[in-house]
Every structure is written in structure tokens, then in C-alpha cells.
Amino acid sequence: MHIDEEISRIRKNFFETIKNIKTAEQLTNVRVVYIGRKGKVSRLLREVSELPSDIKPRVGQELNSLKNEIEKNINDISLQFKGGAPEESIDETLPGRPYHAGNRHPLSIIKNRIIEIFFSMGFSLVEGPLIEDDWHNFSALNIPEFHPSRDMHDTFYLEGKDNLLLRTHTSPVQVRVMKHNKPPLAVIVPGKCFRNDAIDASHFPVFHQVEGLWVDKDISLADLKGVLTGFVNRLFGNVPVRFRPSYFPFTEPSVELDMGCPMCAGSGCSTCGHSGFMEIMGAGMVHPEVFKNSGYEEKYQGFAFGMGIERIAMIYYRLADIRDFYNNDLRFLEQFK
């Protein structure tokens, strides 16, 4: 048979064969038969070198063209078995696929709102290390050597590093800021903290705090009450607040700030222990020993406060379990915008 007739016959047989292709396995067999290493087209390509020189270039060009044509048709058909379609079959008038936009985590939403409020009052934002030394985390804050909070049952100490630990609060940043900055200063310190707590509805070993510090001449407890009352009213609306005497080693006098319970509007319920109020943060005037450890002169006064972001968020969103923030349940997280 003349070579041209055989090329024509192979082309005709190939297009007749692919009309009846039903499976990917059948398509693979067709590929092997026609353009595989021992396929019909591949065999003719090897025989081109034996043809007369006057027809050799033309026949070689026709065979390469046939091989490319067969390969393109096989690839187009294979898209059907892979769930795709040839490019020319795409309907460009169809609407695009919908996509899901992510949301901010509820703790990030509340943290950003807290920062925004204190920024408007003139506070600046600073950050500190998560790994602290014993002096900054305890001693500089007037926490005595045998205080229960130093115990390994409450604090994560780094193995092999006797003096290093995961900070238990954001208060160490107070000392770091005061050692490198002179008054007047007003800062907030949002950040992650760690305590060796058993996990339950109100405790988690990793949590977040916002620390605040304002130092200047003639700062008084009245300034503290004004700032924190304004903060509560900006975040929760016009709710009643009260300040109760308390004790913290790094402040004197110390207070705890309560706000009217949003669950019962102050009438008393199981959430607030039937008191009508919920505690939301601790605060007080900076202890003279803390000023001394930070290198400040006695002429300065200041106040400090600290709140748990998880607690604020639970009150704001009326949630009962801190674990909801860390379960990564999209059904829960998608509720927050």
C-alpha cells in the first residue's frame, strides 16, 4: 500500500473509532493503538527514513500533523471523563460561583473595639514579650516571693530555664514601659497570657488581657473612675457601674469595677449571683513599690487597670462558656460580624 493511502486510512479509522468512545479506559487504548510507542502513526514515523528522498520531507510533515491532530482530539475527549469540558463549550454568560467571605473572630472584634475607645481617650498601644522573667512578672510588681501565683500549679515555667516563664498577665509591660519612658504617659497593653488553669466554662490556660496605665503628676482615683466609667458606657451603653474596695499587690488602693448585669438589667439573676452587678475588671492606684522598681520619682502618681477580653466578650455577646471561643466551630463563629 502506498504511504499516502495508509496515512489516509489511519486518519479515517481513528475518527470512526472515537465516535464510539464511552470510557476513559477505551480512550487510553485508542491512544496506545495510534500514537503509543508501537502505535500505527509511530511505526510510520520510524519508516520515514527509508523512503525516497524526494517524498521524505512531505510524508514526515503529514505524519507529524496527523499525530498532533490525534493527540488534540484525545485530550479534548479526556476532559469529559475528568469532569471538565473543552474550552469552547464554556458558557461565559453564566454567573460566577458564590464565595464565602470570612469573619473576624469575636475576641478580635471586642479587642479592636476596646483599643478604639481608649485611643479616643489619648492612650497609646504598646506590646511586650510573651516569655517573661520572674522579676518583671512578679518581683517588680510587688508580688512577694511566696505568693501563691508563683506556684507551678498556677504558672507555666520554661523547662531548664529557672528564671523564665510564660507571662501570667500583661502587667509586666507596665514596668518595661516606665523604665524606658518618662511621664506623662498613657498606654494600653493588649495581649495573650497563660495560666495553669483547669479548662471549664470560665477558665482556659490561654486567654487575653488588656492592661492600662496612666502616669502623671496629680493623678487621682477620681481620674481612674472617670476613665473606666466612660469606657463602660462607650462599650455597653448607659449602664450603672460601681467600684468596690479590693486588693492587688501592685496597686494601692485597689478596686474592682462592676457593671449592671445585662442579663437581668440589674434585677438579679443566676448569672450575676442575684446581685444585679457583674465584675468586669480590677484596677487601682499604682503602688509606690512598683514606681520605685521602675525608677520613677515619688512626685508621680498613676492608675492601672486590667480586664480579660474573653470575659468582656462573654458579657457583651451574652455567652455562658469561654470554650466556645476556641472550639473553631464555624456555626458559632459565622454569627459575628
Protein backbone atom coordinates (compact mmCIF):
# COMPACT_ATOMS: atom_id res chain seq x y z
CA MET A 1 0.00 0.00 0.00
CA HIS A 2 1.26 3.43 -0.84
CA ILE A 3 2.27 5.53 2.18
CA ASP A 4 -0.25 8.31 1.38
CA GLU A 5 -3.09 5.82 1.23
CA GLU A 6 -2.06 4.33 4.58
CA ILE A 7 -1.97 7.80 6.24
CA SER A 8 -5.46 8.50 4.89
CA ARG A 9 -6.73 5.12 6.11
CA ILE A 10 -5.32 5.67 9.63
CA ARG A 11 -6.95 9.11 9.86
CA LYS A 12 -10.30 7.75 8.73
CA ASN A 13 -10.18 4.77 11.11
CA PHE A 14 -9.22 6.98 14.06
CA PHE A 15 -12.17 9.35 13.64
CA GLU A 16 -14.54 6.40 13.19
CA THR A 17 -13.18 4.83 16.40
CA ILE A 18 -13.50 7.90 18.68
CA LYS A 19 -17.21 8.23 17.82
CA ASN A 20 -17.86 5.16 19.97
CA ILE A 21 -15.64 6.02 22.96
CA LYS A 22 -17.62 5.58 26.22
CA THR A 23 -14.98 5.26 28.93
CA ALA A 24 -11.58 6.65 29.86
CA GLU A 25 -10.16 3.12 29.58
CA GLN A 26 -11.27 2.89 25.94
CA LEU A 27 -9.69 6.27 25.24
CA THR A 28 -6.40 5.11 26.73
CA ASN A 29 -6.43 2.06 24.45
CA VAL A 30 -7.02 4.28 21.40
CA ARG A 31 -4.06 6.44 22.40
CA VAL A 32 -1.81 3.38 22.64
CA VAL A 33 -3.02 1.95 19.29
CA TYR A 34 -2.45 5.14 17.31
CA ILE A 35 0.30 7.22 18.93
CA GLY A 36 1.84 4.89 21.53
CA ARG A 37 5.46 3.77 21.15
CA LYS A 38 4.34 0.86 18.93
CA GLY A 39 1.26 2.65 17.57
CA LYS A 40 0.31 2.96 13.90
CA VAL A 41 1.48 6.57 13.49
CA SER A 42 4.66 5.98 15.48
CA ARG A 43 5.51 2.98 13.26
CA LEU A 44 5.15 5.03 10.09
CA LEU A 45 7.31 7.81 11.54
CA ARG A 46 10.11 5.32 12.09
CA GLU A 47 9.82 4.16 8.45
CA VAL A 48 10.15 7.68 7.00
CA SER A 49 13.93 7.38 6.95
CA GLU A 50 13.63 4.52 4.44
CA LEU A 51 11.50 6.50 1.93
CA PRO A 52 12.89 8.08 -1.25
CA SER A 53 14.43 11.46 -0.57
CA ASP A 54 12.01 13.31 -2.86
CA ILE A 55 8.94 12.42 -0.75
CA LYS A 56 10.55 12.03 2.67
CA PRO A 57 10.01 15.69 3.90
CA ARG A 58 6.37 15.81 2.79
CA VAL A 59 5.45 12.47 4.34
CA GLY A 60 7.23 13.31 7.59
CA GLN A 61 5.31 16.60 7.81
CA GLU A 62 1.97 14.87 7.15
CA LEU A 63 2.64 12.21 9.80
CA ASN A 64 3.59 14.81 12.43
CA SER A 65 0.46 16.77 11.58
CA LEU A 66 -1.65 13.59 11.91
CA LYS A 67 -0.03 12.74 15.25
CA ASN A 68 -0.77 16.26 16.66
CA GLU A 69 -4.35 16.06 15.36
CA ILE A 70 -4.94 12.69 17.00
CA GLU A 71 -3.40 13.87 20.29
CA LYS A 72 -5.55 17.02 20.39
CA ASN A 73 -8.76 15.05 19.85
CA ILE A 74 -7.83 12.52 22.52
CA ASN A 75 -7.05 15.33 25.04
CA ASP A 76 -10.37 17.07 24.31
CA ILE A 77 -12.31 13.86 24.87
CA SER A 78 -10.37 13.12 28.08
CA LEU A 79 -11.73 16.33 29.64
CA GLN A 80 -15.20 14.82 29.60
CA PHE A 81 -14.04 11.93 31.77
CA LYS A 82 -12.29 14.31 34.23
CA GLY A 83 -15.41 16.40 34.82
CA GLY A 84 -14.20 19.21 32.58
CA ALA A 85 -15.15 20.38 29.12
CA PRO A 86 -13.34 21.81 26.14
CA GLU A 87 -12.70 25.50 26.47
CA GLU A 88 -15.04 26.39 23.61
CA SER A 89 -18.01 24.78 25.45
CA ILE A 90 -17.84 27.20 28.43
CA ASP A 91 -20.87 29.49 28.69
CA GLU A 92 -19.39 32.86 29.66
CA THR A 93 -22.86 34.33 30.33
CA LEU A 94 -23.40 32.13 33.41
CA PRO A 95 -22.99 33.84 36.82
CA GLY A 96 -19.82 33.13 38.81
CA ARG A 97 -19.70 30.66 41.68
CA PRO A 98 -20.61 32.22 45.05
CA TYR A 99 -17.78 32.53 47.59
CA HIS A 100 -17.77 32.72 51.37
CA ALA A 101 -16.10 35.74 52.96
CA GLY A 102 -14.57 35.08 56.37
CA ASN A 103 -15.45 36.98 59.55
CA ARG A 104 -13.32 38.41 62.32
CA HIS A 105 -13.11 36.27 65.45
CA PRO A 106 -15.36 37.63 68.24
CA LEU A 107 -12.32 38.16 70.50
CA SER A 108 -10.66 40.25 67.78
CA ILE A 109 -13.83 42.29 67.35
CA ILE A 110 -14.00 43.10 71.08
CA LYS A 111 -10.26 43.73 71.36
CA ASN A 112 -10.36 46.19 68.47
CA ARG A 113 -13.37 47.97 69.98
CA ILE A 114 -11.59 48.30 73.36
CA ILE A 115 -8.48 49.69 71.66
CA GLU A 116 -10.58 52.15 69.65
CA ILE A 117 -12.26 53.51 72.79
CA PHE A 118 -9.01 54.03 74.68
CA PHE A 119 -7.32 55.54 71.61
CA SER A 120 -10.06 58.19 71.64
CA MET A 121 -9.13 58.97 75.26
CA GLY A 122 -5.47 59.59 74.39
CA PHE A 123 -3.96 56.19 75.21
CA SER A 124 -1.23 54.64 73.06
CA LEU A 125 -0.79 50.94 72.33
CA VAL A 126 2.32 49.03 73.37
CA GLU A 127 3.20 45.34 73.43
CA GLY A 128 5.56 43.14 75.42
CA PRO A 129 7.13 39.67 75.32
CA LEU A 130 5.09 36.53 75.97
CA ILE A 131 8.07 34.92 77.71
CA GLU A 132 8.93 36.92 80.83
CA ASP A 133 11.47 36.69 83.59
CA ASP A 134 10.49 36.29 87.22
CA TRP A 135 11.48 39.84 88.12
CA HIS A 136 9.21 41.60 85.62
CA ASN A 137 6.29 39.20 86.06
CA PHE A 138 6.35 39.10 89.88
CA SER A 139 9.03 40.93 91.89
CA ALA A 140 8.84 44.31 90.15
CA LEU A 141 5.05 44.27 90.64
CA ASN A 142 5.40 43.90 94.41
CA ILE A 143 4.30 40.25 94.38
CA PRO A 144 6.09 38.58 97.32
CA GLU A 145 8.37 35.59 96.89
CA PHE A 146 5.98 33.05 98.38
CA HIS A 147 2.77 34.38 96.81
CA PRO A 148 0.50 31.53 95.57
CA SER A 149 0.56 32.86 91.99
CA ARG A 150 4.28 31.96 91.76
CA ASP A 151 3.49 28.29 92.34
CA MET A 152 4.00 25.85 89.46
CA HIS A 153 0.34 24.88 89.76
CA ASP A 154 -0.59 28.37 88.53
CA THR A 155 2.34 29.39 86.30
CA PHE A 156 3.99 27.76 83.27
CA TYR A 157 7.76 27.80 83.87
CA LEU A 158 10.14 27.01 80.99
CA GLU A 159 11.89 23.69 81.49
CA GLY A 160 15.57 24.18 82.18
CA LYS A 161 15.12 27.96 82.48
CA ASP A 162 14.59 28.65 86.18
CA ASN A 163 14.04 32.36 85.71
CA LEU A 164 11.78 32.28 82.62
CA LEU A 165 8.05 31.69 82.35
CA LEU A 166 5.01 32.35 80.17
CA ARG A 167 3.61 35.63 81.42
CA THR A 168 0.56 35.26 83.64
CA HIS A 169 -0.76 38.77 82.97
CA THR A 170 0.05 41.84 80.85
CA SER A 171 1.10 43.87 83.93
CA PRO A 172 4.87 43.26 83.39
CA VAL A 173 4.67 45.58 80.39
CA GLN A 174 3.87 48.42 82.85
CA VAL A 175 7.35 48.15 84.31
CA ARG A 176 9.01 47.83 80.91
CA VAL A 177 7.24 50.94 79.65
CA MET A 178 8.05 53.02 82.74
CA LYS A 179 11.72 52.00 82.75
CA HIS A 180 12.16 53.42 79.24
CA ASN A 181 9.69 56.34 79.20
CA LYS A 182 9.23 59.38 81.41
CA PRO A 183 5.79 60.73 82.41
CA PRO A 184 3.30 61.80 81.33
CA LEU A 185 2.26 58.58 79.66
CA ALA A 186 -0.99 56.74 78.99
CA VAL A 187 -0.78 53.27 77.43
CA ILE A 188 -2.85 50.15 76.91
CA VAL A 189 -1.34 46.69 76.51
CA PRO A 190 -3.50 44.06 74.78
CA GLY A 191 -2.00 40.60 74.66
CA LYS A 192 -2.04 36.89 75.30
CA CYS A 193 -1.49 35.42 78.78
CA PHE A 194 -1.05 31.93 80.21
CA ARG A 195 -2.05 30.28 83.47
CA ASN A 196 -2.09 26.65 84.52
CA ASP A 197 -5.87 26.56 84.94
CA ALA A 198 -8.15 23.57 84.50
CA ILE A 199 -10.43 24.10 81.49
CA ASP A 200 -14.05 24.80 82.36
CA ALA A 201 -16.82 27.20 81.36
CA SER A 202 -14.96 30.24 82.74
CA HIS A 203 -11.26 29.22 82.64
CA PHE A 204 -8.80 28.44 79.87
CA PRO A 205 -5.00 28.11 80.07
CA VAL A 206 -4.57 30.67 77.27
CA PHE A 207 -6.50 33.93 77.49
CA HIS A 208 -6.24 37.60 76.56
CA GLN A 209 -5.99 40.75 78.66
CA VAL A 210 -5.92 44.48 78.13
CA GLU A 211 -3.74 46.33 80.62
CA GLY A 212 -3.98 50.10 81.06
CA LEU A 213 -1.62 52.59 82.70
CA TRP A 214 -1.79 56.39 83.13
CA VAL A 215 1.00 58.22 84.95
CA ASP A 216 1.42 61.95 85.52
CA LYS A 217 1.50 64.48 88.31
CA ASP A 218 -1.68 64.87 90.38
CA ILE A 219 -3.43 61.76 89.01
CA SER A 220 -6.08 60.59 91.47
CA LEU A 221 -8.65 57.84 91.97
CA ALA A 222 -11.24 60.23 90.56
CA ASP A 223 -9.41 60.16 87.21
CA LEU A 224 -9.47 56.36 87.31
CA LYS A 225 -13.22 56.31 87.97
CA GLY A 226 -13.89 58.82 85.19
CA VAL A 227 -11.88 56.93 82.56
CA LEU A 228 -13.30 53.49 83.38
CA THR A 229 -16.88 54.71 83.73
CA GLY A 230 -16.56 56.36 80.33
CA PHE A 231 -15.15 53.17 78.84
CA VAL A 232 -18.02 51.02 80.18
CA ASN A 233 -20.64 53.46 78.90
CA ARG A 234 -18.99 53.60 75.46
CA LEU A 235 -18.87 49.80 75.14
CA PHE A 236 -22.05 48.66 76.87
CA GLY A 237 -24.23 51.75 76.80
CA ASN A 238 -25.56 53.75 79.73
CA VAL A 239 -25.37 51.08 82.45
CA PRO A 240 -24.82 51.53 86.20
CA VAL A 241 -21.26 50.99 87.48
CA ARG A 242 -19.83 50.64 90.97
CA PHE A 243 -16.34 50.45 92.43
CA ARG A 244 -15.67 48.04 95.31
CA PRO A 245 -12.56 48.01 97.54
CA SER A 246 -10.25 45.10 96.73
CA TYR A 247 -6.61 44.03 96.98
CA PHE A 248 -3.88 43.64 94.36
CA PRO A 249 -0.17 43.63 95.24
CA PHE A 250 0.69 46.18 92.54
CA THR A 251 -1.98 48.82 93.33
CA GLU A 252 -2.92 50.73 96.50
CA PRO A 253 -5.75 51.47 96.97
CA SER A 254 -7.23 48.73 94.78
CA VAL A 255 -10.76 48.44 93.43
CA GLU A 256 -12.88 46.11 91.36
CA LEU A 257 -15.25 47.55 88.79
CA ASP A 258 -18.76 46.11 88.49
CA MET A 259 -21.38 46.96 85.89
CA GLY A 260 -25.10 46.39 85.88
CA CYS A 261 -25.92 42.86 84.76
CA PRO A 262 -27.07 42.94 81.11
CA MET A 263 -28.92 39.62 81.53
CA CYS A 264 -31.41 40.90 84.09
CA ALA A 265 -30.97 44.68 83.79
CA GLY A 266 -29.93 44.82 87.45
CA SER A 267 -32.92 42.99 88.90
CA GLY A 268 -30.85 39.94 89.92
CA CYS A 269 -30.41 36.58 88.21
CA SER A 270 -28.33 33.40 88.44
CA THR A 271 -25.69 34.86 86.10
CA CYS A 272 -24.87 37.76 88.42
CA GLY A 273 -25.47 35.79 91.62
CA HIS A 274 -28.70 37.75 92.17
CA SER A 275 -26.67 40.88 92.95
CA GLY A 276 -27.65 42.84 89.84
CA PHE A 277 -23.95 43.53 89.07
CA MET A 278 -21.13 41.69 87.28
CA GLU A 279 -17.40 42.20 87.97
CA ILE A 280 -15.53 43.10 84.77
CA MET A 281 -12.04 44.30 85.79
CA GLY A 282 -9.60 45.14 88.55
CA ALA A 283 -7.87 48.49 88.96
CA GLY A 284 -6.21 50.86 91.42
CA MET A 285 -3.54 53.47 92.00
CA VAL A 286 -0.05 52.23 91.10
CA HIS A 287 1.74 51.01 94.22
CA PRO A 288 4.77 53.13 95.31
CA GLU A 289 6.95 49.99 95.23
CA VAL A 290 6.14 49.48 91.55
CA PHE A 291 7.12 53.09 90.83
CA LYS A 292 10.33 52.56 92.80
CA ASN A 293 11.18 49.38 90.86
CA SER A 294 10.54 51.26 87.61
CA GLY A 295 12.83 54.17 88.54
CA TYR A 296 10.08 56.80 88.97
CA GLU A 297 10.28 59.64 91.47
CA GLU A 298 7.76 59.98 94.31
CA LYS A 299 6.20 63.10 92.76
CA TYR A 300 4.37 60.98 90.17
CA GLN A 301 1.05 59.22 90.63
CA GLY A 302 -0.85 56.95 88.29
CA PHE A 303 -3.51 54.33 87.96
CA ALA A 304 -3.58 50.93 86.32
CA PHE A 305 -6.35 48.56 85.30
CA GLY A 306 -6.67 45.17 83.68
CA MET A 307 -9.52 43.28 82.07
CA GLY A 308 -9.94 39.88 80.42
CA ILE A 309 -11.03 40.18 76.81
CA GLU A 310 -12.82 36.82 77.00
CA ARG A 311 -14.85 37.99 79.98
CA ILE A 312 -15.77 41.26 78.31
CA ALA A 313 -16.76 39.39 75.13
CA MET A 314 -18.87 36.88 77.08
CA ILE A 315 -20.78 39.70 78.74
CA TYR A 316 -21.09 41.70 75.51
CA TYR A 317 -22.40 38.74 73.48
CA ARG A 318 -24.18 37.12 76.45
CA LEU A 319 -22.29 33.83 76.25
CA ALA A 320 -22.03 31.25 79.01
CA ASP A 321 -18.92 29.21 78.07
CA ILE A 322 -15.41 30.51 77.34
CA ARG A 323 -14.65 27.30 75.41
CA ASP A 324 -16.91 28.48 72.57
CA PHE A 325 -14.15 30.92 71.55
CA TYR A 326 -11.64 28.10 71.00
CA ASN A 327 -13.70 25.24 69.54
CA ASN A 328 -13.37 26.62 65.97
CA ASP A 329 -17.00 25.80 65.24
CA LEU A 330 -17.94 27.73 62.10
CA ARG A 331 -21.61 27.66 63.08
CA PHE A 332 -20.66 29.72 66.13
CA LEU A 333 -18.03 31.96 64.53
CA GLU A 334 -20.16 32.90 61.50
CA GLN A 335 -22.63 34.69 63.79
CA PHE A 336 -20.16 37.54 64.44
CA LYS A 337 -19.56 40.37 62.01
